[in-house]
PDB file of N, CA and C in Angstrom:
ATOM      1  N   MET A   1      17.513 -16.685  -3.440  1.00  0.00           N
ATOM      2  CA  MET A   1      17.882 -15.503  -2.697  1.00  0.00           C
ATOM      3  C   MET A   1      17.321 -15.624  -1.281  1.00  0.00           C
ATOM      4  N   THR A   2      18.166 -15.464  -0.298  1.00  0.00           N
ATOM      5  CA  THR A   2      17.727 -15.596   1.087  1.00  0.00           C
ATOM      6  C   THR A   2      16.949 -14.359   1.505  1.00  0.00           C
ATOM      7  N   PRO A   3      16.091 -14.493   2.516  1.00  0.00           N
ATOM      8  CA  PRO A   3      15.300 -13.342   2.961  1.00  0.00           C
ATOM      9  C   PRO A   3      16.160 -12.182   3.485  1.00  0.00           C
ATOM     10  N   ALA A   4      17.266 -12.485   4.130  1.00  0.00           N
ATOM     11  CA  ALA A   4      18.121 -11.416   4.647  1.00  0.00           C
ATOM     12  C   ALA A   4      18.761 -10.632   3.506  1.00  0.00           C
ATOM     13  N   LEU A   5      19.221 -11.334   2.492  1.00  0.00           N
ATOM     14  CA  LEU A   5      19.820 -10.671   1.337  1.00  0.00           C
ATOM     15  C   LEU A   5      18.779  -9.841   0.581  1.00  0.00           C
ATOM     16  N   PHE A   6      17.576 -10.360   0.492  1.00  0.00           N
ATOM     17  CA  PHE A   6      16.493  -9.627  -0.157  1.00  0.00           C
ATOM     18  C   PHE A   6      16.167  -8.343   0.612  1.00  0.00           C
ATOM     19  N   ALA A   7      16.134  -8.424   1.941  1.00  0.00           N
ATOM     20  CA  ALA A   7      15.833  -7.257   2.765  1.00  0.00           C
ATOM     21  C   ALA A   7      16.927  -6.204   2.634  1.00  0.00           C
ATOM     22  N   ILE A   8      18.177  -6.633   2.621  1.00  0.00           N
ATOM     23  CA  ILE A   8      19.299  -5.692   2.473  1.00  0.00           C
ATOM     24  C   ILE A   8      19.250  -5.022   1.109  1.00  0.00           C
ATOM     25  N   THR A   9      18.945  -5.796   0.081  1.00  0.00           N
ATOM     26  CA  THR A   9      18.846  -5.245  -1.269  1.00  0.00           C
ATOM     27  C   THR A   9      17.724  -4.208  -1.358  1.00  0.00           C
ATOM     28  N   CYS A  10      16.584  -4.510  -0.753  1.00  0.00           N
ATOM     29  CA  CYS A  10      15.464  -3.561  -0.762  1.00  0.00           C
ATOM     30  C   CYS A  10      15.821  -2.278  -0.014  1.00  0.00           C
ATOM     31  N   LEU A  11      16.457  -2.402   1.147  1.00  0.00           N
ATOM     32  CA  LEU A  11      16.843  -1.216   1.914  1.00  0.00           C
ATOM     33  C   LEU A  11      17.868  -0.358   1.167  1.00  0.00           C
ATOM     34  N   LEU A  12      18.825  -0.991   0.515  1.00  0.00           N
ATOM     35  CA  LEU A  12      19.802  -0.234  -0.261  1.00  0.00           C
ATOM     36  C   LEU A  12      19.154   0.467  -1.452  1.00  0.00           C
ATOM     37  N   THR A  13      18.215  -0.195  -2.098  1.00  0.00           N
ATOM     38  CA  THR A  13      17.512   0.409  -3.226  1.00  0.00           C
ATOM     39  C   THR A  13      16.717   1.634  -2.779  1.00  0.00           C
ATOM     40  N   ILE A  14      16.013   1.518  -1.671  1.00  0.00           N
ATOM     41  CA  ILE A  14      15.232   2.635  -1.144  1.00  0.00           C
ATOM     42  C   ILE A  14      16.148   3.782  -0.728  1.00  0.00           C
ATOM     43  N   THR A  15      17.258   3.465  -0.075  1.00  0.00           N
ATOM     44  CA  THR A  15      18.190   4.494   0.383  1.00  0.00           C
ATOM     45  C   THR A  15      18.812   5.247  -0.781  1.00  0.00           C
ATOM     46  N   PHE A  16      19.302   4.528  -1.781  1.00  0.00           N
ATOM     47  CA  PHE A  16      19.910   5.195  -2.936  1.00  0.00           C
ATOM     48  C   PHE A  16      18.874   5.948  -3.759  1.00  0.00           C
ATOM     49  N   GLY A  17      17.670   5.437  -3.812  1.00  0.00           N
ATOM     50  CA  GLY A  17      16.605   6.143  -4.527  1.00  0.00           C
ATOM     51  C   GLY A  17      16.247   7.455  -3.860  1.00  0.00           C
ATOM     52  N   TYR A  18      16.150   7.442  -2.526  1.00  0.00           N
ATOM     53  CA  TYR A  18      15.827   8.668  -1.800  1.00  0.00           C
ATOM     54  C   TYR A  18      16.971   9.676  -1.880  1.00  0.00           C
ATOM     55  N   SER A  19      18.225   9.200  -1.800  1.00  0.00           N
ATOM     56  CA  SER A  19      19.334  10.142  -1.919  1.00  0.00           C
ATOM     57  C   SER A  19      19.406  10.722  -3.327  1.00  0.00           C
ATOM     58  N   GLY A  20      19.050   9.958  -4.330  1.00  0.00           N
ATOM     59  CA  GLY A  20      18.982  10.498  -5.685  1.00  0.00           C
ATOM     60  C   GLY A  20      17.874  11.524  -5.828  1.00  0.00           C
ATOM     61  N   LEU A  21      16.740  11.272  -5.180  1.00  0.00           N
ATOM     62  CA  LEU A  21      15.639  12.228  -5.196  1.00  0.00           C
ATOM     63  C   LEU A  21      16.037  13.526  -4.508  1.00  0.00           C
ATOM     64  N   CYS A  22      16.730  13.418  -3.378  1.00  0.00           N
ATOM     65  CA  CYS A  22      17.168  14.619  -2.650  1.00  0.00           C
ATOM     66  C   CYS A  22      18.208  15.402  -3.441  1.00  0.00           C
ATOM     67  N   ALA A  23      19.037  14.718  -4.209  1.00  0.00           N
ATOM     68  CA  ALA A  23      20.036  15.410  -5.026  1.00  0.00           C
ATOM     69  C   ALA A  23      19.381  16.086  -6.230  1.00  0.00           C
ATOM     70  N   ALA A  24      18.417  15.426  -6.847  1.00  0.00           N
ATOM     71  CA  ALA A  24      17.779  15.975  -8.044  1.00  0.00           C
ATOM     72  C   ALA A  24      16.747  17.047  -7.702  1.00  0.00           C
ATOM     73  N   SER A  25      16.001  16.836  -6.637  1.00  0.00           N
ATOM     74  CA  SER A  25      14.949  17.779  -6.256  1.00  0.00           C
ATOM     75  C   SER A  25      15.011  17.986  -4.746  1.00  0.00           C
ATOM     76  N   PRO A  26      15.819  18.948  -4.273  1.00  0.00           N
ATOM     77  CA  PRO A  26      15.999  19.109  -2.829  1.00  0.00           C
ATOM     78  C   PRO A  26      14.782  19.666  -2.104  1.00  0.00           C
ATOM     79  N   PHE A  27      13.835  20.245  -2.822  1.00  0.00           N
ATOM     80  CA  PHE A  27      12.652  20.812  -2.183  1.00  0.00           C
ATOM     81  C   PHE A  27      11.412  20.019  -2.563  1.00  0.00           C
ATOM     82  N   GLY A  28      10.569  19.759  -1.574  1.00  0.00           N
ATOM     83  CA  GLY A  28       9.304  19.076  -1.800  1.00  0.00           C
ATOM     84  C   GLY A  28       8.165  19.998  -1.422  1.00  0.00           C
ATOM     85  N   THR A  29       6.939  19.599  -1.725  1.00  0.00           N
ATOM     86  CA  THR A  29       5.798  20.440  -1.385  1.00  0.00           C
ATOM     87  C   THR A  29       5.553  20.405   0.115  1.00  0.00           C
ATOM     88  N   CYS A  30       5.092  21.516   0.629  1.00  0.00           N
ATOM     89  CA  CYS A  30       4.796  21.633   2.057  1.00  0.00           C
ATOM     90  C   CYS A  30       3.605  20.743   2.389  1.00  0.00           C
ATOM     91  N   ARG A  31       3.721  19.974   3.468  1.00  0.00           N
ATOM     92  CA  ARG A  31       2.637  19.072   3.842  1.00  0.00           C
ATOM     93  C   ARG A  31       1.495  19.795   4.536  1.00  0.00           C
ATOM     94  N   THR A  32       1.768  20.954   5.115  1.00  0.00           N
ATOM     95  CA  THR A  32       0.717  21.682   5.825  1.00  0.00           C
ATOM     96  C   THR A  32      -0.250  22.347   4.856  1.00  0.00           C
ATOM     97  N   CYS A  33       0.287  23.091   3.899  1.00  0.00           N
ATOM     98  CA  CYS A  33      -0.564  23.829   2.960  1.00  0.00           C
ATOM     99  C   CYS A  33      -0.705  23.123   1.617  1.00  0.00           C
ATOM    100  N   ARG A  34      -0.086  21.964   1.454  1.00  0.00           N
ATOM    101  CA  ARG A  34      -0.129  21.166   0.230  1.00  0.00           C
ATOM    102  C   ARG A  34       0.380  21.926  -0.988  1.00  0.00           C
ATOM    103  N   GLY A  35       1.363  22.826  -0.765  1.00  0.00           N
ATOM    104  CA  GLY A  35       2.006  23.534  -1.860  1.00  0.00           C
ATOM    105  C   GLY A  35       1.348  24.838  -2.257  1.00  0.00           C
ATOM    106  N   PHE A  36       0.255  25.226  -1.607  1.00  0.00           N
ATOM    107  CA  PHE A  36      -0.421  26.473  -1.955  1.00  0.00           C
ATOM    108  C   PHE A  36       0.277  27.692  -1.349  1.00  0.00           C
ATOM    109  N   GLY A  37       0.858  27.550  -0.167  1.00  0.00           N
ATOM    110  CA  GLY A  37       1.472  28.682   0.520  1.00  0.00           C
ATOM    111  C   GLY A  37       0.522  29.348   1.496  1.00  0.00           C
ATOM    112  N   PHE A  38      -0.700  28.858   1.542  1.00  0.00           N
ATOM    113  CA  PHE A  38      -1.697  29.391   2.462  1.00  0.00           C
ATOM    114  C   PHE A  38      -2.721  28.298   2.748  1.00  0.00           C
ATOM    115  N   ALA A  39      -3.452  28.475   3.819  1.00  0.00           N
ATOM    116  CA  ALA A  39      -4.487  27.514   4.171  1.00  0.00           C
ATOM    117  C   ALA A  39      -5.762  27.852   3.399  1.00  0.00           C
ATOM    118  N   LEU A  40      -6.531  26.838   3.075  1.00  0.00           N
ATOM    119  CA  LEU A  40      -7.813  27.054   2.421  1.00  0.00           C
ATOM    120  C   LEU A  40      -8.914  27.037   3.469  1.00  0.00           C
ATOM    121  N   THR A  41      -9.772  28.038   3.437  1.00  0.00           N
ATOM    122  CA  THR A  41     -10.926  28.078   4.333  1.00  0.00           C
ATOM    123  C   THR A  41     -12.175  28.252   3.485  1.00  0.00           C
ATOM    124  N   THR A  42     -13.311  28.161   4.101  1.00  0.00           N
ATOM    125  CA  THR A  42     -14.559  28.349   3.378  1.00  0.00           C
ATOM    126  C   THR A  42     -15.303  29.534   3.975  1.00  0.00           C
ATOM    127  N   ASP A  43     -16.053  30.214   3.116  1.00  0.00           N
ATOM    128  CA  ASP A  43     -16.886  31.290   3.631  1.00  0.00           C
ATOM    129  C   ASP A  43     -18.222  30.704   4.086  1.00  0.00           C
ATOM    130  N   ARG A  44     -19.157  31.572   4.428  1.00  0.00           N
ATOM    131  CA  ARG A  44     -20.423  31.067   4.965  1.00  0.00           C
ATOM    132  C   ARG A  44     -21.277  30.368   3.918  1.00  0.00           C
ATOM    133  N   LYS A  45     -21.009  30.629   2.658  1.00  0.00           N
ATOM    134  CA  LYS A  45     -21.748  29.943   1.587  1.00  0.00           C
ATOM    135  C   LYS A  45     -21.101  28.619   1.200  1.00  0.00           C
ATOM    136  N   GLY A  46     -19.937  28.317   1.775  1.00  0.00           N
ATOM    137  CA  GLY A  46     -19.268  27.055   1.491  1.00  0.00           C
ATOM    138  C   GLY A  46     -18.250  27.131   0.378  1.00  0.00           C
ATOM    139  N   ARG A  47     -18.007  28.325  -0.161  1.00  0.00           N
ATOM    140  CA  ARG A  47     -17.018  28.479  -1.217  1.00  0.00           C
ATOM    141  C   ARG A  47     -15.622  28.583  -0.622  1.00  0.00           C
ATOM    142  N   LEU A  48     -14.656  28.054  -1.355  1.00  0.00           N
ATOM    143  CA  LEU A  48     -13.274  28.117  -0.886  1.00  0.00           C
ATOM    144  C   LEU A  48     -12.730  29.528  -1.029  1.00  0.00           C
ATOM    145  N   LYS A  49     -11.945  29.934  -0.058  1.00  0.00           N
ATOM    146  CA  LYS A  49     -11.263  31.222  -0.142  1.00  0.00           C
ATOM    147  C   LYS A  49      -9.882  31.081   0.479  1.00  0.00           C
ATOM    148  N   ARG A  50      -9.045  32.054   0.186  1.00  0.00           N
ATOM    149  CA  ARG A  50      -7.678  32.032   0.691  1.00  0.00           C
ATOM    150  C   ARG A  50      -7.693  32.289   2.189  1.00  0.00           C
ATOM    151  N   GLY A  51      -6.922  31.464   2.902  1.00  0.00           N
ATOM    152  CA  GLY A  51      -6.856  31.604   4.349  1.00  0.00           C
ATOM    153  C   GLY A  51      -5.560  32.242   4.802  1.00  0.00           C
ATOM    154  N   LYS A  52      -5.085  31.816   5.942  1.00  0.00           N
ATOM    155  CA  LYS A  52      -3.889  32.401   6.533  1.00  0.00           C
ATOM    156  C   LYS A  52      -2.622  31.937   5.817  1.00  0.00           C
ATOM    157  N   HIS A  53      -1.617  32.776   5.908  1.00  0.00           N
ATOM    158  CA  HIS A  53      -0.279  32.525   5.385  1.00  0.00           C
ATOM    159  C   HIS A  53       0.301  31.293   6.099  1.00  0.00           C
ATOM    160  N   CYS A  54       0.914  30.364   5.360  1.00  0.00           N
ATOM    161  CA  CYS A  54       1.472  29.149   5.960  1.00  0.00           C
ATOM    162  C   CYS A  54       2.747  29.480   6.738  1.00  0.00           C
ATOM    163  N   ARG A  55       2.790  29.087   7.989  1.00  0.00           N
ATOM    164  CA  ARG A  55       3.947  29.378   8.827  1.00  0.00           C
ATOM    165  C   ARG A  55       5.078  28.393   8.603  1.00  0.00           C
ATOM    166  N   ARG A  56       4.760  27.193   8.168  1.00  0.00           N
ATOM    167  CA  ARG A  56       5.794  26.170   8.009  1.00  0.00           C
ATOM    168  C   ARG A  56       6.713  26.457   6.830  1.00  0.00           C
ATOM    169  N   CYS A  57       6.135  26.856   5.704  1.00  0.00           N
ATOM    170  CA  CYS A  57       6.945  27.100   4.504  1.00  0.00           C
ATOM    171  C   CYS A  57       7.105  28.588   4.217  1.00  0.00           C
ATOM    172  N   ASP A  58       6.582  29.444   5.073  1.00  0.00           N
ATOM    173  CA  ASP A  58       6.644  30.899   4.932  1.00  0.00           C
ATOM    174  C   ASP A  58       5.975  31.368   3.643  1.00  0.00           C
ATOM    175  N   GLY A  59       4.942  30.670   3.225  1.00  0.00           N
ATOM    176  CA  GLY A  59       4.162  31.080   2.065  1.00  0.00           C
ATOM    177  C   GLY A  59       4.744  30.696   0.729  1.00  0.00           C
ATOM    178  N   HIS A  60       5.833  29.936   0.704  1.00  0.00           N
ATOM    179  CA  HIS A  60       6.447  29.551  -0.559  1.00  0.00           C
ATOM    180  C   HIS A  60       5.835  28.278  -1.145  1.00  0.00           C
ATOM    181  N   GLY A  61       5.274  27.434  -0.305  1.00  0.00           N
ATOM    182  CA  GLY A  61       4.698  26.175  -0.782  1.00  0.00           C
ATOM    183  C   GLY A  61       5.709  25.061  -0.902  1.00  0.00           C
ATOM    184  N   LYS A  62       6.970  25.345  -0.639  1.00  0.00           N
ATOM    185  CA  LYS A  62       8.030  24.338  -0.729  1.00  0.00           C
ATOM    186  C   LYS A  62       8.747  24.237   0.608  1.00  0.00           C
ATOM    187  N   ARG A  63       9.275  23.073   0.878  1.00  0.00           N
ATOM    188  CA  ARG A  63      10.075  22.848   2.086  1.00  0.00           C
ATOM    189  C   ARG A  63      11.274  22.003   1.702  1.00  0.00           C
ATOM    190  N   ILE A  64      12.335  22.095   2.473  1.00  0.00           N
ATOM    191  CA  ILE A  64      13.530  21.303   2.184  1.00  0.00           C
ATOM    192  C   ILE A  64      13.300  19.870   2.677  1.00  0.00           C
ATOM    193  N   ARG A  65      13.715  18.915   1.894  1.00  0.00           N
ATOM    194  CA  ARG A  65      13.540  17.506   2.271  1.00  0.00           C
ATOM    195  C   ARG A  65      14.478  17.146   3.424  1.00  0.00           C
ATOM    196  N   LEU A  66      14.081  16.154   4.203  1.00  0.00           N
ATOM    197  CA  LEU A  66      14.861  15.751   5.364  1.00  0.00           C
ATOM    198  C   LEU A  66      16.250  15.283   4.974  1.00  0.00           C
ATOM    199  N   GLY A  67      16.362  14.485   3.929  1.00  0.00           N
ATOM    200  CA  GLY A  67      17.666  13.993   3.489  1.00  0.00           C
ATOM    201  C   GLY A  67      18.580  15.115   3.034  1.00  0.00           C
ATOM    202  N   ARG A  68      18.025  16.094   2.340  1.00  0.00           N
ATOM    203  CA  ARG A  68      18.838  17.236   1.914  1.00  0.00           C
ATOM    204  C   ARG A  68      19.244  18.091   3.103  1.00  0.00           C
ATOM    205  N   TRP A  69      18.350  18.242   4.087  1.00  0.00           N
ATOM    206  CA  TRP A  69      18.664  18.992   5.297  1.00  0.00           C
ATOM    207  C   TRP A  69      19.818  18.336   6.044  1.00  0.00           C
ATOM    208  N   LEU A  70      19.788  17.003   6.155  1.00  0.00           N
ATOM    209  CA  LEU A  70      20.869  16.282   6.828  1.00  0.00           C
ATOM    210  C   LEU A  70      22.184  16.409   6.063  1.00  0.00           C
ATOM    211  N   TYR A  71      22.114  16.336   4.731  1.00  0.00           N
ATOM    212  CA  TYR A  71      23.320  16.502   3.918  1.00  0.00           C
ATOM    213  C   TYR A  71      23.909  17.903   4.089  1.00  0.00           C
ATOM    214  N   ASN A  72      23.055  18.930   4.049  1.00  0.00           N
ATOM    215  CA  ASN A  72      23.535  20.297   4.230  1.00  0.00           C
ATOM    216  C   ASN A  72      24.178  20.477   5.594  1.00  0.00           C
ATOM    217  N   ARG A  73      23.587  19.888   6.619  1.00  0.00           N
ATOM    218  CA  ARG A  73      24.122  20.003   7.974  1.00  0.00           C
ATOM    219  C   ARG A  73      25.484  19.311   8.072  1.00  0.00           C
ATOM    220  N   ALA A  74      25.613  18.122   7.493  1.00  0.00           N
ATOM    221  CA  ALA A  74      26.891  17.398   7.524  1.00  0.00           C
ATOM    222  C   ALA A  74      27.966  18.129   6.722  1.00  0.00           C
ATOM    223  N   ALA A  75      27.603  18.672   5.573  1.00  0.00           N
ATOM    224  CA  ALA A  75      28.571  19.405   4.750  1.00  0.00           C
ATOM    225  C   ALA A  75      29.026  20.673   5.472  1.00  0.00           C
ATOM    226  N   ARG A  76      28.120  21.370   6.134  1.00  0.00           N
ATOM    227  CA  ARG A  76      28.471  22.582   6.874  1.00  0.00           C
ATOM    228  C   ARG A  76      29.414  22.253   8.027  1.00  0.00           C
ATOM    229  N   THR A  77      29.146  21.156   8.724  1.00  0.00           N
ATOM    230  CA  THR A  77      30.008  20.737   9.833  1.00  0.00           C
ATOM    231  C   THR A  77      31.386  20.346   9.332  1.00  0.00           C
ATOM    232  N   TYR A  78      31.438  19.644   8.210  1.00  0.00           N
ATOM    233  CA  TYR A  78      32.726  19.238   7.630  1.00  0.00           C
ATOM    234  C   TYR A  78      33.537  20.460   7.199  1.00  0.00           C
ATOM    235  N   ARG A  79      32.898  21.403   6.535  1.00  0.00           N
ATOM    236  CA  ARG A  79      33.591  22.623   6.108  1.00  0.00           C
ATOM    237  C   ARG A  79      34.113  23.419   7.298  1.00  0.00           C
ATOM    238  N   ALA A  80      33.329  23.487   8.366  1.00  0.00           N
ATOM    239  CA  ALA A  80      33.746  24.235   9.551  1.00  0.00           C
ATOM    240  C   ALA A  80      34.910  23.538  10.260  1.00  0.00           C
ATOM    241  N   GLY A  81      34.962  22.215  10.170  1.00  0.00           N
ATOM    242  CA  GLY A  81      36.023  21.476  10.855  1.00  0.00           C
ATOM    243  C   GLY A  81      37.325  21.444  10.101  1.00  0.00           C
ATOM    244  N   THR A  82      37.315  21.731   8.791  1.00  0.00           N
ATOM    245  CA  THR A  82      38.537  21.661   8.008  1.00  0.00           C
ATOM    246  C   THR A  82      39.148  23.034   7.746  1.00  0.00           C
ATOM    247  N   ARG A  83      38.644  24.056   8.358  1.00  0.00           N
ATOM    248  CA  ARG A  83      39.212  25.395   8.156  1.00  0.00           C
ATOM    249  C   ARG A  83      40.419  25.605   9.006  1.00  0.00           C
TER     250      ARG A  83
END
């Protein structure tokens, strides 16, 4: 197997795997709050307590994946163009 063919095979595998992940699970955990929906802070004794509401995921702890966002955008554009 040549290196170019191996590289193409790896890229296709990664691409189809990610598109399958986006189709099966369109939402992933928020990277800012790590899925909690809020930031963790500590009090003066060093104990963890609930912090501010996460602005990125609006407190849900989930965010839409980039691949699913691109698919939704393309589908919306296609639907708008065929009306």
